Amino acid sequence: MSRYDEVGAALEQRGFTRMDFDLQKIRDLMDVLGSPQRAYPAIHLTGTNGKTSTARMIDALLRAHGLHTGRYTSPHLETVRERISLDGEPISEDRLVATYEEVAPLAALVDARVAEPLTYFDMTTAMAYAAFADAPVDIAVVEVGLGGAEDATNVIEAGVCVITPIGLDHTEWLGDTIEDIAWAKAGIIHAGATVVSAAQTEEAMRPLLEHCAQVGATIAREGSEFGVMRRSIAVGGQVLSLQGLGGVYEDVFLPLHGAHQAQNAAVALAAVEAFLGAGAHKQLDPDLVREGFAGVDSPGRLERVRSAPAILLDGAHNPHGMAATVSALEEEFAFRRLVAVVAVLADKDVSGLLDLLEPVADRIVVTRNSSARAMPVEELAQQATTVFGEERVTVAQTMPDAIEEAVVLAEADLDGELSGVGVLITGSIVTVADARKLLKR
């Protein structure tokens, strides 16, 4: 086993999905590491959907302006290295090993003083902050893991905070209402911060505004200070006209699909403007903005991995995310036949997902993903049958069988004419990761 594989195994032993919302442990680890998170400014993102795509857009825009960036996102699709990016590229195996070997002995000191050891996410967060300081980066772009106030990333205390759309998800940890969840996510907003918020429901916006008032933060809101003015579908994505904090940016090509990605782009632009000091009297260079957006990608977000039939991967895992995916499918793809492969985690609003998917999917193939939290196939099949009807549901015990069956169903009775025919693999980031490993070989 290589040293890189040994490090991966050591991280996994901490419990890949174990939750322990105790900021004191990560604070103690940061202290003994010399507070690397204080070595650079940061943009910190929370919200229910769109965080990773928005973080990747912010990263690309900052790099177009000549800055060295560190980006921390989760979960990963193929390798833990994806979580920690330097200048837009996943950290190398050697650098990840070196960073782990710097952090691990000090983490052991913290572990020895507490009842529950640091989690997998605590460790990768600490490694990201240490790697960014060692690089060094000019700015860190950091996505929360879950929530905000008690998330390990929150030791960053960023000067610019981004709130993507807030919906119901992770209710077992964050609360049963949008308002409760918004209060949890507002916790990343620290004294004097500048906040950039996507359009929110009144129930979500009220806690954000109250928290900003409490800590003396300023807030820019989509629909008031910035937003999408126009968008048109283009080959491989869309062309946008964006109202930023510093003016209008025309003819921005974004190589991603859906109105939700246009919204993410507006939020990302405003965040970068806020960080670089653009506003009423200063606009960013429009050519650099176009350059940044043109280079964006977001794996696992309506990502096309095969043609004839088209196979799309999308990590929608809650009703809010699925609504955005379905809207993009209807607007930009117009499949005459679409077969969905679905595998979900057991703690999600599965009926809500399936209700939204049903009008656009002719057939559904249910299976399970590799997560220990995956919903059993038989249980998912029962829920799918309730929504789709028995004749439209096929059961496959493994992901390879599910993909193969979906392709057969998509191609059936078409006499070789495969235009307008597609397969959508969705329901969870884990589902997308599993399918991607099979289809990207």
Protein backbone atom coordinates (compact mmCIF):
# COMPACT_ATOMS: atom_id res chain seq x y z
CA MET A 1 0.00 0.00 0.00
CA SER A 2 1.35 3.43 -0.95
CA ARG A 3 1.75 6.15 1.66
CA TYR A 4 -1.09 8.04 -0.06
CA ASP A 5 -3.39 5.01 0.33
CA GLU A 6 -2.33 4.69 3.97
CA VAL A 7 -3.31 8.31 4.59
CA GLY A 8 -6.69 7.71 2.93
CA ALA A 9 -7.26 4.68 5.14
CA ALA A 10 -6.26 6.62 8.27
CA LEU A 11 -8.76 9.36 7.43
CA GLU A 12 -11.48 6.79 6.74
CA GLN A 13 -10.91 5.22 10.17
CA ARG A 14 -12.15 8.46 11.73
CA GLY A 15 -15.60 7.72 10.32
CA PHE A 16 -16.40 9.11 6.89
CA THR A 17 -19.96 10.07 7.86
CA ARG A 18 -19.51 10.56 11.62
CA MET A 19 -20.98 13.86 12.83
CA ASP A 20 -19.65 15.68 15.89
CA PHE A 21 -20.46 19.38 16.02
CA ASP A 22 -17.81 20.45 18.54
CA LEU A 23 -15.95 23.52 17.30
CA GLN A 24 -13.67 23.55 20.32
CA LYS A 25 -11.74 20.54 19.04
CA ILE A 26 -11.04 22.09 15.64
CA ARG A 27 -10.18 25.39 17.36
CA ASP A 28 -7.68 23.56 19.57
CA LEU A 29 -6.17 21.88 16.51
CA MET A 30 -5.90 25.20 14.70
CA ASP A 31 -4.17 26.70 17.74
CA VAL A 32 -1.48 24.00 17.91
CA LEU A 33 -1.00 24.28 14.14
CA GLY A 34 -0.30 28.00 14.52
CA SER A 35 -3.70 29.21 13.21
CA PRO A 36 -3.01 28.69 9.48
CA GLN A 37 -6.55 29.91 8.67
CA ARG A 38 -5.44 33.41 9.71
CA ALA A 39 -2.75 33.54 7.00
CA TYR A 40 -5.10 34.58 4.17
CA PRO A 41 -8.52 36.17 3.60
CA ALA A 42 -11.47 33.95 2.73
CA ILE A 43 -14.86 33.73 1.10
CA HIS A 44 -17.09 31.31 3.06
CA LEU A 45 -20.17 29.69 1.48
CA THR A 46 -23.24 28.10 3.00
CA GLY A 47 -26.78 27.32 1.79
CA THR A 48 -28.79 24.24 0.88
CA ASN A 49 -28.00 23.88 -2.83
CA GLY A 50 -25.49 25.32 -5.26
CA LYS A 51 -22.56 25.75 -2.86
CA THR A 52 -19.98 23.72 -4.78
CA SER A 53 -20.88 25.14 -8.19
CA THR A 54 -20.80 28.68 -6.79
CA ALA A 55 -17.47 28.01 -5.06
CA ARG A 56 -15.98 26.77 -8.34
CA MET A 57 -17.23 29.90 -10.12
CA ILE A 58 -15.75 32.17 -7.44
CA ASP A 59 -12.47 30.30 -7.68
CA ALA A 60 -12.37 30.68 -11.48
CA LEU A 61 -13.15 34.41 -11.31
CA LEU A 62 -10.46 35.04 -8.72
CA ARG A 63 -7.88 33.14 -10.76
CA ALA A 64 -8.84 35.14 -13.86
CA HIS A 65 -7.88 38.21 -11.81
CA GLY A 66 -4.43 36.76 -11.16
CA LEU A 67 -4.91 35.51 -7.60
CA HIS A 68 -3.58 32.25 -6.20
CA THR A 69 -6.56 30.38 -4.76
CA GLY A 70 -7.28 27.57 -2.35
CA ARG A 71 -10.70 25.93 -2.58
CA TYR A 72 -12.24 23.54 -0.04
CA THR A 73 -15.45 21.73 -1.00
CA SER A 74 -17.23 18.50 -0.12
CA PRO A 75 -18.12 15.76 -0.67
CA HIS A 76 -15.72 14.46 -3.31
CA LEU A 77 -16.65 12.34 -6.33
CA GLU A 78 -13.56 10.19 -6.87
CA THR A 79 -10.71 11.15 -4.52
CA VAL A 80 -10.28 13.10 -1.30
CA ARG A 81 -7.78 15.28 -3.19
CA GLU A 82 -10.76 16.99 -4.88
CA ARG A 83 -11.73 18.57 -1.56
CA ILE A 84 -8.53 20.60 -1.37
CA SER A 85 -7.72 22.48 -4.58
CA LEU A 86 -4.83 24.84 -5.23
CA ASP A 87 -5.16 27.23 -8.18
CA GLY A 88 -8.12 25.22 -9.46
CA GLU A 89 -6.43 21.80 -9.38
CA PRO A 90 -6.82 19.03 -6.78
CA ILE A 91 -3.93 18.85 -4.37
CA SER A 92 -1.27 16.33 -5.45
CA GLU A 93 -0.91 12.98 -3.70
CA ASP A 94 2.54 13.94 -2.38
CA ARG A 95 1.34 17.27 -1.06
CA LEU A 96 -1.71 15.70 0.58
CA VAL A 97 0.54 13.15 2.32
CA ALA A 98 2.93 15.87 3.49
CA THR A 99 0.05 17.95 4.82
CA TYR A 100 -1.44 14.97 6.66
CA GLU A 101 1.93 14.19 8.24
CA GLU A 102 2.10 17.79 9.45
CA VAL A 103 -1.42 17.74 10.92
CA ALA A 104 -1.78 14.16 12.23
CA PRO A 105 0.66 14.28 15.21
CA LEU A 106 -0.98 17.46 16.49
CA ALA A 107 -4.44 15.99 15.92
CA ALA A 108 -3.36 13.06 18.10
CA LEU A 109 -2.62 15.51 20.94
CA VAL A 110 -6.14 16.93 20.65
CA ASP A 111 -7.67 13.44 20.43
CA ALA A 112 -5.92 12.41 23.65
CA ARG A 113 -7.73 15.16 25.59
CA VAL A 114 -11.30 14.54 24.42
CA ALA A 115 -13.89 11.76 24.62
CA GLU A 116 -14.59 11.70 20.87
CA PRO A 117 -11.68 12.07 18.41
CA LEU A 118 -11.63 14.58 15.58
CA THR A 119 -13.79 13.51 12.63
CA TYR A 120 -12.84 12.86 9.01
CA PHE A 121 -14.27 16.29 8.13
CA ASP A 122 -12.38 17.99 10.98
CA MET A 123 -9.15 16.51 9.64
CA THR A 124 -9.69 17.41 5.99
CA THR A 125 -10.69 20.95 7.05
CA ALA A 126 -7.51 21.34 9.09
CA MET A 127 -5.46 19.89 6.22
CA ALA A 128 -7.03 22.32 3.77
CA TYR A 129 -6.28 25.34 5.95
CA ALA A 130 -2.71 24.14 6.51
CA ALA A 131 -2.16 23.45 2.80
CA PHE A 132 -3.47 26.89 1.87
CA ALA A 133 -1.04 28.55 4.30
CA ASP A 134 1.88 26.47 3.05
CA ALA A 135 1.16 27.14 -0.65
CA PRO A 136 0.68 30.09 0.06
CA VAL A 137 -2.65 31.23 -1.41
CA ASP A 138 -3.91 34.79 -1.80
CA ILE A 139 -7.45 33.78 -0.83
CA ALA A 140 -9.36 30.68 0.31
CA VAL A 141 -12.80 29.77 -1.02
CA VAL A 142 -14.42 27.54 1.61
CA GLU A 143 -17.70 25.61 1.47
CA VAL A 144 -19.31 24.53 4.74
CA GLY A 145 -19.85 20.82 5.24
CA LEU A 146 -23.22 21.08 6.97
CA GLY A 147 -25.08 24.06 8.39
CA GLY A 148 -22.77 26.87 9.38
CA ALA A 149 -22.58 27.97 13.00
CA GLU A 150 -21.19 24.66 14.28
CA ASP A 151 -19.48 23.49 11.10
CA ALA A 152 -15.73 22.84 11.40
CA THR A 153 -14.99 25.29 8.60
CA ASN A 154 -16.40 28.15 10.70
CA VAL A 155 -13.07 28.75 12.43
CA ILE A 156 -12.16 30.68 9.24
CA GLU A 157 -14.27 33.77 10.22
CA ALA A 158 -14.32 35.05 6.63
CA GLY A 159 -14.66 38.65 5.58
CA VAL A 160 -17.03 37.75 2.72
CA CYS A 161 -19.86 35.26 3.29
CA VAL A 162 -22.09 33.75 0.61
CA ILE A 163 -25.54 32.31 1.26
CA THR A 164 -26.92 30.20 -1.60
CA PRO A 165 -30.67 29.34 -1.64
CA ILE A 166 -31.88 27.84 1.64
CA GLY A 167 -34.36 24.96 1.67
CA LEU A 168 -35.28 21.99 3.85
CA ASP A 169 -32.47 19.47 4.17
CA HIS A 170 -30.52 17.84 7.03
CA THR A 171 -33.49 18.57 9.29
CA GLU A 172 -32.29 16.00 11.84
CA TRP A 173 -29.31 18.28 12.58
CA LEU A 174 -30.37 21.80 11.57
CA GLY A 175 -34.04 22.01 12.54
CA ASP A 176 -37.46 21.28 11.09
CA THR A 177 -38.19 24.70 9.58
CA ILE A 178 -36.59 26.97 6.99
CA GLU A 179 -36.21 29.58 9.74
CA ASP A 180 -34.29 27.18 12.00
CA ILE A 181 -32.02 26.16 9.14
CA ALA A 182 -31.41 29.80 8.16
CA TRP A 183 -30.39 30.64 11.74
CA ALA A 184 -27.89 27.77 11.68
CA LYS A 185 -26.44 28.88 8.35
CA ALA A 186 -26.30 32.54 9.44
CA GLY A 187 -23.69 31.45 11.98
CA ILE A 188 -20.89 31.84 9.42
CA ILE A 189 -21.52 35.60 9.40
CA HIS A 190 -19.06 37.25 11.78
CA ALA A 191 -18.62 40.84 12.93
CA GLY A 192 -18.11 43.29 10.08
CA ALA A 193 -18.48 40.72 7.28
CA THR A 194 -19.91 41.45 3.86
CA VAL A 195 -22.72 39.01 3.02
CA VAL A 196 -23.86 38.10 -0.49
CA SER A 197 -27.18 36.27 -0.52
CA ALA A 198 -29.08 34.54 -3.28
CA ALA A 199 -32.82 35.23 -3.41
CA GLN A 200 -34.44 33.67 -0.34
CA THR A 201 -37.94 33.10 0.96
CA GLU A 202 -39.04 35.57 3.62
CA GLU A 203 -38.76 32.79 6.20
CA ALA A 204 -35.07 32.32 5.32
CA MET A 205 -34.15 35.98 4.79
CA ARG A 206 -35.47 37.23 8.13
CA PRO A 207 -32.88 35.34 10.26
CA LEU A 208 -30.09 36.40 7.88
CA LEU A 209 -31.03 40.08 8.20
CA GLU A 210 -31.43 39.84 11.97
CA HIS A 211 -28.06 38.15 12.37
CA CYS A 212 -26.37 40.73 10.13
CA ALA A 213 -27.83 43.50 12.31
CA GLN A 214 -26.62 41.76 15.47
CA VAL A 215 -22.99 41.47 14.31
CA GLY A 216 -22.72 44.62 12.21
CA ALA A 217 -22.47 42.86 8.83
CA THR A 218 -23.62 44.37 5.53
CA ILE A 219 -25.68 42.35 3.06
CA ALA A 220 -26.20 42.46 -0.71
CA ARG A 221 -29.26 40.58 -1.97
CA GLU A 222 -30.03 39.00 -5.31
CA GLY A 223 -32.89 40.93 -6.88
CA SER A 224 -31.93 44.15 -5.11
CA GLU A 225 -28.20 44.85 -5.51
CA PHE A 226 -27.38 42.21 -8.14
CA GLY A 227 -28.94 39.47 -10.26
CA VAL A 228 -29.46 37.84 -13.64
CA MET A 229 -30.81 40.33 -16.17
CA ARG A 230 -31.08 38.02 -19.18
CA ARG A 231 -30.09 34.52 -20.16
CA SER A 232 -30.24 32.60 -23.42
CA ILE A 233 -29.47 28.97 -24.18
CA ALA A 234 -26.25 28.38 -26.11
CA VAL A 235 -24.38 25.31 -27.34
CA GLY A 236 -22.76 23.78 -24.28
CA GLY A 237 -24.32 26.16 -21.78
CA GLN A 238 -25.87 29.62 -21.71
CA VAL A 239 -25.08 33.29 -22.32
CA LEU A 240 -25.83 35.69 -19.48
CA SER A 241 -26.25 39.37 -18.84
CA LEU A 242 -25.47 39.93 -15.16
CA GLN A 243 -26.14 42.95 -12.97
CA GLY A 244 -23.25 43.06 -10.54
CA LEU A 245 -22.52 45.32 -7.61
CA GLY A 246 -20.30 47.38 -9.91
CA GLY A 247 -22.34 47.47 -13.09
CA VAL A 248 -23.65 45.28 -15.90
CA TYR A 249 -21.59 42.48 -17.44
CA GLU A 250 -22.82 41.47 -20.90
CA ASP A 251 -22.23 38.42 -23.10
CA VAL A 252 -20.98 36.15 -20.31
CA PHE A 253 -20.78 32.54 -21.53
CA LEU A 254 -21.33 29.97 -18.78
CA PRO A 255 -20.66 26.35 -19.82
CA LEU A 256 -23.25 24.98 -17.37
CA HIS A 257 -26.96 24.32 -17.79
CA GLY A 258 -30.01 25.67 -16.00
CA ALA A 259 -31.46 28.84 -14.51
CA HIS A 260 -30.06 27.74 -11.14
CA GLN A 261 -26.52 27.91 -12.52
CA ALA A 262 -27.21 31.41 -13.87
CA GLN A 263 -28.30 32.37 -10.35
CA ASN A 264 -25.13 30.81 -8.93
CA ALA A 265 -23.13 32.88 -11.43
CA ALA A 266 -24.75 36.12 -10.28
CA VAL A 267 -24.00 35.25 -6.65
CA ALA A 268 -20.41 34.29 -7.46
CA LEU A 269 -19.83 37.53 -9.37
CA ALA A 270 -21.19 39.65 -6.51
CA ALA A 271 -19.01 37.79 -4.00
CA VAL A 272 -15.86 38.41 -6.05
CA GLU A 273 -16.85 42.05 -6.55
CA ALA A 274 -17.30 42.40 -2.80
CA PHE A 275 -13.91 40.84 -2.13
CA LEU A 276 -12.08 42.93 -4.76
CA GLY A 277 -13.80 46.15 -3.71
CA ALA A 278 -16.06 46.69 -6.72
CA GLY A 279 -19.25 48.63 -6.17
CA ALA A 280 -21.07 51.77 -7.18
CA HIS A 281 -17.87 53.50 -8.34
CA LYS A 282 -15.80 50.55 -9.53
CA GLN A 283 -16.47 47.71 -11.96
CA LEU A 284 -14.40 44.60 -12.56
CA ASP A 285 -12.80 44.20 -15.99
CA PRO A 286 -15.63 42.59 -18.05
CA ASP A 287 -13.12 40.62 -20.15
CA LEU A 288 -11.64 39.01 -17.03
CA VAL A 289 -15.15 38.19 -15.79
CA ARG A 290 -15.94 36.52 -19.13
CA GLU A 291 -12.64 34.64 -19.04
CA GLY A 292 -13.32 33.36 -15.54
CA PHE A 293 -16.83 32.12 -16.23
CA ALA A 294 -15.86 30.53 -19.55
CA GLY A 295 -13.43 28.26 -17.70
CA VAL A 296 -15.91 26.97 -15.11
CA ASP A 297 -16.89 23.33 -14.81
CA SER A 298 -18.93 21.55 -12.16
CA PRO A 299 -18.62 17.76 -12.29
CA GLY A 300 -21.76 15.87 -11.39
CA ARG A 301 -24.10 18.79 -12.12
CA LEU A 302 -25.98 17.88 -15.31
CA GLU A 303 -22.65 16.56 -16.53
CA ARG A 304 -22.80 14.75 -19.89
CA VAL A 305 -20.52 11.70 -19.81
CA ARG A 306 -21.80 9.77 -22.83
CA SER A 307 -23.64 10.42 -26.10
CA ALA A 308 -26.07 8.31 -28.16
CA PRO A 309 -27.86 7.92 -25.87
CA ALA A 310 -26.91 10.95 -23.83
CA ILE A 311 -26.06 10.04 -20.23
CA LEU A 312 -26.25 12.86 -17.71
CA LEU A 313 -25.07 12.79 -14.10
CA ASP A 314 -26.71 15.08 -11.58
CA GLY A 315 -26.28 15.09 -7.81
CA ALA A 316 -29.72 16.47 -6.90
CA HIS A 317 -30.48 14.95 -3.48
CA ASN A 318 -33.35 17.06 -2.13
CA PRO A 319 -36.55 18.51 -3.63
CA HIS A 320 -35.07 21.99 -4.00
CA GLY A 321 -32.18 20.63 -6.05
CA MET A 322 -34.37 18.28 -8.08
CA ALA A 323 -36.73 21.13 -8.98
CA ALA A 324 -33.77 23.02 -10.47
CA THR A 325 -32.59 19.93 -12.36
CA VAL A 326 -36.05 19.21 -13.79
CA SER A 327 -36.43 22.82 -14.89
CA ALA A 328 -33.11 22.66 -16.75
CA LEU A 329 -34.04 19.35 -18.37
CA GLU A 330 -37.33 20.75 -19.63
CA GLU A 331 -35.82 23.98 -20.87
CA GLU A 332 -32.52 22.92 -22.38
CA PHE A 333 -32.63 19.22 -23.29
CA ALA A 334 -36.19 18.42 -24.42
CA PHE A 335 -35.69 14.65 -24.43
CA ARG A 336 -38.38 12.69 -26.26
CA ARG A 337 -37.50 9.74 -24.03
CA LEU A 338 -35.70 9.95 -20.70
CA VAL A 339 -34.94 7.06 -18.36
CA ALA A 340 -33.84 7.92 -14.82
CA VAL A 341 -31.50 5.83 -12.69
CA VAL A 342 -32.12 6.71 -9.05
CA ALA A 343 -30.32 5.73 -5.85
CA VAL A 344 -30.79 7.77 -2.69
CA LEU A 345 -29.79 8.03 0.95
CA ALA A 346 -32.40 6.78 3.39
CA ASP A 347 -32.63 10.03 5.35
CA LYS A 348 -33.72 12.16 2.36
CA ASP A 349 -37.18 13.32 1.23
CA VAL A 350 -37.41 10.58 -1.38
CA SER A 351 -41.09 11.01 -2.22
CA GLY A 352 -40.45 14.72 -2.80
CA LEU A 353 -37.62 13.88 -5.20
CA LEU A 354 -39.67 11.31 -7.10
CA ASP A 355 -42.74 13.55 -7.39
CA LEU A 356 -40.64 16.20 -9.13
CA LEU A 357 -38.87 13.71 -11.39
CA GLU A 358 -41.99 11.82 -12.51
CA PRO A 359 -43.26 14.30 -15.17
CA VAL A 360 -39.96 14.28 -17.10
CA ALA A 361 -38.90 10.62 -16.79
CA ASP A 362 -40.61 8.00 -18.96
CA ARG A 363 -39.16 5.14 -16.91
CA ILE A 364 -37.20 4.84 -13.68
CA VAL A 365 -34.59 2.25 -12.72
CA VAL A 366 -34.08 2.08 -8.96
CA THR A 367 -30.88 0.78 -7.39
CA ARG A 368 -28.62 1.54 -4.44
CA ASN A 369 -25.35 3.42 -4.15
CA SER A 370 -22.25 2.54 -2.16
CA SER A 371 -23.10 4.61 0.93
CA ALA A 372 -23.77 2.82 4.20
CA ARG A 373 -26.76 5.20 4.48
CA ALA A 374 -28.26 4.12 1.13
CA MET A 375 -31.96 3.33 1.02
CA PRO A 376 -32.52 -0.40 0.37
CA VAL A 377 -33.56 -1.12 -3.22
CA GLU A 378 -36.84 -2.75 -2.22
CA GLU A 379 -37.90 0.25 -0.12
CA LEU A 380 -37.01 2.69 -2.91
CA ALA A 381 -38.90 0.52 -5.42
CA GLN A 382 -42.04 0.72 -3.25
CA GLN A 383 -41.86 4.51 -3.14
CA ALA A 384 -41.14 4.73 -6.87
CA THR A 385 -44.08 2.46 -7.69
CA THR A 386 -46.40 4.72 -5.71
CA VAL A 387 -45.31 7.71 -7.78
CA PHE A 388 -44.60 6.22 -11.23
CA GLY A 389 -46.84 3.14 -11.30
CA GLU A 390 -45.55 -0.41 -11.37
CA GLU A 391 -45.19 -0.62 -15.16
CA ARG A 392 -42.71 2.29 -15.24
CA VAL A 393 -40.41 1.01 -12.48
CA THR A 394 -37.49 -1.40 -12.98
CA VAL A 395 -35.38 -2.74 -10.11
CA ALA A 396 -31.63 -3.35 -10.40
CA GLN A 397 -29.55 -4.56 -7.48
CA THR A 398 -26.28 -2.93 -8.58
CA MET A 399 -25.28 0.33 -10.26
CA PRO A 400 -23.69 -1.35 -13.32
CA ASP A 401 -26.88 -3.36 -13.90
CA ALA A 402 -29.01 -0.25 -13.42
CA ILE A 403 -27.08 1.77 -16.00
CA GLU A 404 -27.14 -1.10 -18.50
CA GLU A 405 -30.88 -1.60 -18.01
CA ALA A 406 -31.54 2.14 -18.38
CA VAL A 407 -29.67 2.29 -21.69
CA VAL A 408 -31.64 -0.71 -23.00
CA LEU A 409 -34.93 0.92 -21.97
CA ALA A 410 -33.90 4.25 -23.52
CA GLU A 411 -32.99 2.64 -26.84
CA ALA A 412 -35.95 0.24 -27.07
CA ASP A 413 -38.07 0.35 -30.24
CA LEU A 414 -36.24 3.33 -31.73
CA ASP A 415 -34.84 1.64 -34.87
CA GLY A 416 -31.38 3.08 -34.23
CA GLU A 417 -32.53 6.71 -34.03
CA LEU A 418 -31.05 7.86 -30.72
CA SER A 419 -31.35 11.64 -31.00
CA GLY A 420 -33.45 13.08 -28.21
CA VAL A 421 -32.96 10.00 -26.02
CA GLY A 422 -31.29 10.18 -22.64
CA VAL A 423 -30.44 8.59 -19.31
CA LEU A 424 -30.29 10.67 -16.13
CA ILE A 425 -28.42 9.23 -13.14
CA THR A 426 -29.38 11.10 -9.98
CA GLY A 427 -30.54 11.08 -6.36
CA SER A 428 -27.29 11.62 -4.46
CA ILE A 429 -23.71 12.82 -4.84
CA VAL A 430 -22.71 9.25 -3.90
CA THR A 431 -24.84 7.93 -6.77
CA VAL A 432 -23.09 10.28 -9.18
CA ALA A 433 -19.68 9.32 -7.81
CA ASP A 434 -20.42 5.61 -8.26
CA ALA A 435 -21.70 6.09 -11.81
CA ARG A 436 -18.85 8.40 -12.73
CA LYS A 437 -16.28 5.77 -11.79
CA LEU A 438 -17.99 3.33 -14.15
CA LEU A 439 -18.66 5.71 -17.04
CA LYS A 440 -15.52 7.88 -17.06
CA ARG A 441 -13.12 4.95 -17.47
